[in-house]
């Protein structure tokens, strides 16, 4: 009976691993999330601070929390949308196609940043080859950025900063509906709800 139980456990584990691999992997041709935006065309003519982000597209930048905070400060004058993600996080992967589209659509007005949290650089870099972004991500292996923001440790999370560099809204966890992510970009980054006064 024990041998049969062990066999069933092994089969169940293999089935689970197969479903996780299918959920976490890109498509067979490496084009995760469908066709990617033409970032060069969409973002041509961006203001200098945003163009600097676009030139660092898909880069994993070192420095963790300190480097991230310095970049937020340097981007004053522009609203910022910062997405905390990891390559192993299935909901993060599901949000990427929307972030790709939104960063192409609004990247001349809004600074987009990533924070690769609690992840391995090699795995993150491999995923970014499949799902390219128009902006860089700061590496944060210990989750310090999320801790400072007040997240609960799960991913993804999305932080919205006003033009003054102050955090004004934090969406903890995945968006239930990807249209809601665009609605929040329009509300907090473009709609003035992050403006003080």
Protein backbone atom coordinates (compact mmCIF):
# COMPACT_ATOMS: atom_id res chain seq x y z
CA UNK A 1 0.00 0.00 0.00
CA UNK A 2 2.89 2.36 0.81
CA UNK A 3 4.52 1.78 -2.59
CA UNK A 4 1.25 2.58 -4.36
CA UNK A 5 0.76 5.71 -2.25
CA UNK A 6 4.31 6.86 -3.02
CA UNK A 7 3.73 6.26 -6.74
CA UNK A 8 0.54 8.34 -6.60
CA UNK A 9 2.38 11.13 -4.80
CA UNK A 10 5.15 11.10 -7.40
CA UNK A 11 2.60 11.21 -10.26
CA UNK A 12 0.72 14.06 -8.59
CA UNK A 13 3.96 15.99 -8.11
CA UNK A 14 4.90 15.49 -11.77
CA UNK A 15 1.47 16.67 -12.89
CA UNK A 16 1.79 19.76 -10.69
CA UNK A 17 5.26 20.54 -12.03
CA UNK A 18 3.99 20.19 -15.58
CA UNK A 19 1.15 22.62 -14.99
CA UNK A 20 3.43 25.12 -13.25
CA UNK A 21 5.95 24.91 -16.09
CA UNK A 22 3.19 25.46 -18.61
CA UNK A 23 1.89 28.46 -16.65
CA UNK A 24 5.32 30.03 -16.13
CA UNK A 25 6.85 29.46 -19.53
CA UNK A 26 6.61 31.61 -22.57
CA UNK A 27 5.14 30.44 -25.79
CA UNK A 28 7.12 27.98 -27.85
CA UNK A 29 8.51 30.72 -30.10
CA UNK A 30 9.61 32.88 -27.18
CA UNK A 31 7.06 35.60 -27.97
CA UNK A 32 5.45 35.81 -24.53
CA UNK A 33 2.18 37.66 -24.44
CA UNK A 34 1.82 37.97 -28.20
CA UNK A 35 3.34 40.60 -30.46
CA UNK A 36 5.24 43.31 -28.63
CA UNK A 37 4.78 47.03 -29.23
CA UNK A 38 7.20 48.86 -31.49
CA UNK A 39 8.73 50.83 -28.63
CA UNK A 40 11.13 52.82 -30.82
CA UNK A 41 8.29 54.25 -32.89
CA UNK A 42 5.84 54.69 -30.02
CA UNK A 43 8.31 56.45 -27.74
CA UNK A 44 10.22 58.58 -30.26
CA UNK A 45 10.49 62.16 -29.06
CA UNK A 46 10.13 61.35 -25.35
CA UNK A 47 11.38 63.99 -22.90
CA UNK A 48 15.02 63.42 -21.88
CA UNK A 49 14.39 61.83 -18.43
CA UNK A 50 11.90 59.35 -19.95
CA UNK A 51 14.10 58.72 -23.00
CA UNK A 52 16.88 57.77 -20.56
CA UNK A 53 14.59 55.07 -19.15
CA UNK A 54 13.79 53.81 -22.64
CA UNK A 55 17.50 53.52 -23.45
CA UNK A 56 17.79 51.16 -20.46
CA UNK A 57 14.93 48.95 -21.66
CA UNK A 58 15.08 45.42 -20.23
CA UNK A 59 18.19 46.16 -18.16
CA UNK A 60 18.42 44.77 -14.65
CA UNK A 61 19.96 47.63 -12.70
CA UNK A 62 21.88 46.98 -9.48
CA UNK A 63 21.63 48.96 -6.27
CA UNK A 64 18.33 47.76 -4.84
CA UNK A 65 16.31 50.11 -2.67
CA UNK A 66 18.84 52.98 -2.65
CA UNK A 67 19.21 53.07 -6.44
CA UNK A 68 15.44 52.79 -6.90
CA UNK A 69 14.80 55.67 -4.48
CA UNK A 70 17.42 57.81 -6.24
CA UNK A 71 15.72 57.18 -9.60
CA UNK A 72 12.31 58.13 -8.21
CA UNK A 73 13.82 61.39 -6.92
CA UNK A 74 15.49 62.05 -10.29
CA UNK A 75 12.15 61.60 -12.07
CA UNK A 76 10.41 64.42 -10.20
CA UNK A 77 8.20 66.29 -12.61
CA UNK A 78 6.83 63.04 -14.06
CA UNK A 79 4.37 60.57 -12.58
CA UNK A 80 5.88 57.13 -12.00
CA UNK A 81 4.35 53.67 -12.23
CA UNK A 82 6.60 51.07 -10.58
CA UNK A 83 5.74 47.40 -10.96
CA UNK A 84 7.23 44.83 -8.55
CA UNK A 85 7.57 41.48 -10.28
CA UNK A 86 9.48 38.20 -10.44
CA UNK A 87 10.02 35.74 -13.29
CA UNK A 88 8.59 32.87 -11.18
CA UNK A 89 5.37 34.78 -10.42
CA UNK A 90 2.51 33.66 -12.69
CA UNK A 91 0.28 36.72 -12.02
CA UNK A 92 3.28 38.96 -12.75
CA UNK A 93 3.70 37.25 -16.10
CA UNK A 94 0.02 37.71 -16.83
CA UNK A 95 0.34 41.48 -16.24
CA UNK A 96 3.38 41.89 -18.50
CA UNK A 97 1.50 42.16 -21.84
CA UNK A 98 -0.60 44.98 -20.39
CA UNK A 99 2.48 46.74 -19.00
CA UNK A 100 4.12 46.43 -22.41
CA UNK A 101 1.16 48.12 -24.11
CA UNK A 102 0.72 50.80 -21.45
CA UNK A 103 4.40 51.73 -21.38
CA UNK A 104 4.31 52.14 -25.16
CA UNK A 105 1.06 54.13 -25.05
CA UNK A 106 1.87 56.44 -22.12
CA UNK A 107 5.68 56.32 -21.91
CA UNK A 108 6.09 59.87 -23.25
CA UNK A 109 4.16 61.21 -20.24
CA UNK A 110 4.67 58.62 -17.50
CA UNK A 111 7.86 57.04 -16.17
CA UNK A 112 7.54 53.27 -15.93
CA UNK A 113 9.98 51.30 -13.76
CA UNK A 114 10.27 47.68 -12.73
CA UNK A 115 11.51 46.16 -9.51
CA UNK A 116 12.62 42.56 -9.92
CA UNK A 117 11.95 41.28 -6.42
CA UNK A 118 13.07 38.06 -4.75
CA UNK A 119 14.30 36.65 -8.04
CA UNK A 120 17.48 35.35 -9.66
CA UNK A 121 19.07 37.72 -12.19
CA UNK A 122 19.57 34.95 -14.78
CA UNK A 123 15.93 33.89 -14.62
CA UNK A 124 14.74 37.49 -14.82
CA UNK A 125 17.01 38.26 -17.78
CA UNK A 126 15.79 35.18 -19.63
CA UNK A 127 12.18 36.18 -19.08
CA UNK A 128 12.85 39.74 -20.27
CA UNK A 129 14.20 38.29 -23.52
CA UNK A 130 10.77 36.72 -24.05
CA UNK A 131 8.76 39.65 -22.69
CA UNK A 132 10.69 42.84 -23.45
CA UNK A 133 9.78 46.06 -21.69
CA UNK A 134 10.45 49.68 -22.64
CA UNK A 135 12.00 50.41 -19.25
CA UNK A 136 14.55 48.97 -16.79
CA UNK A 137 14.01 47.04 -13.59
CA UNK A 138 15.98 47.43 -10.39
CA UNK A 139 17.13 44.19 -8.80
CA UNK A 140 15.83 43.71 -5.28
CA UNK A 141 16.67 40.14 -4.23
CA UNK A 142 15.67 40.65 -0.60
CA UNK A 143 12.40 42.47 -1.27
CA UNK A 144 13.55 45.68 0.45
CA UNK A 145 11.67 47.99 -1.92
CA UNK A 146 8.42 46.16 -1.25
CA UNK A 147 9.05 46.23 2.51
CA UNK A 148 9.59 50.00 2.39
CA UNK A 149 6.38 50.42 0.40
CA UNK A 150 4.41 48.32 2.89
CA UNK A 151 3.61 45.36 0.66
CA UNK A 152 2.66 42.02 2.17
CA UNK A 153 5.43 40.05 0.45
CA UNK A 154 3.33 38.68 -2.39
CA UNK A 155 3.74 39.74 -6.02
CA UNK A 156 2.94 41.57 -8.20
CA UNK A 157 2.46 44.97 -6.60
CA UNK A 158 2.22 48.31 -8.38
CA UNK A 159 3.18 51.67 -6.87
CA UNK A 160 2.06 55.03 -8.24
CA UNK A 161 4.12 58.15 -7.51
CA UNK A 162 3.06 61.73 -8.13
CA UNK A 163 5.12 64.30 -9.99
CA UNK A 164 6.55 65.33 -6.62
CA UNK A 165 8.12 61.88 -6.16
CA UNK A 166 5.78 60.93 -3.32
CA UNK A 167 4.00 57.58 -3.21
CA UNK A 168 0.29 58.20 -3.55
CA UNK A 169 -1.20 54.76 -4.19
CA UNK A 170 -0.08 51.16 -3.82
CA UNK A 171 -1.98 48.30 -5.42
CA UNK A 172 -1.08 45.21 -3.43
CA UNK A 173 -1.40 42.00 -5.40
CA UNK A 174 -2.45 41.30 -8.93
CA UNK A 175 -5.10 43.27 -10.72
CA UNK A 176 -8.24 41.15 -10.97
CA UNK A 177 -8.80 42.48 -14.43
CA UNK A 178 -6.07 43.84 -16.67
CA UNK A 179 -8.27 46.74 -17.82
CA UNK A 180 -8.20 47.89 -14.18
CA UNK A 181 -4.43 48.34 -14.44
CA UNK A 182 -4.88 50.77 -17.32
CA UNK A 183 -7.67 52.51 -15.41
CA UNK A 184 -5.30 53.08 -12.48
CA UNK A 185 -2.55 54.39 -14.77
CA UNK A 186 -5.05 56.84 -16.22
CA UNK A 187 -6.43 57.74 -12.76
CA UNK A 188 -3.24 58.08 -10.71
CA UNK A 189 -0.52 58.82 -13.26
CA UNK A 190 -2.48 60.94 -15.74
CA UNK A 191 -5.66 61.94 -13.95
CA UNK A 192 -4.15 64.13 -11.26
CA UNK A 193 -5.16 62.01 -8.25
CA UNK A 194 -1.52 61.80 -7.19
CA UNK A 195 -1.13 65.57 -7.19
CA UNK A 196 -0.85 67.25 -3.81
CA UNK A 197 -2.68 70.42 -3.02
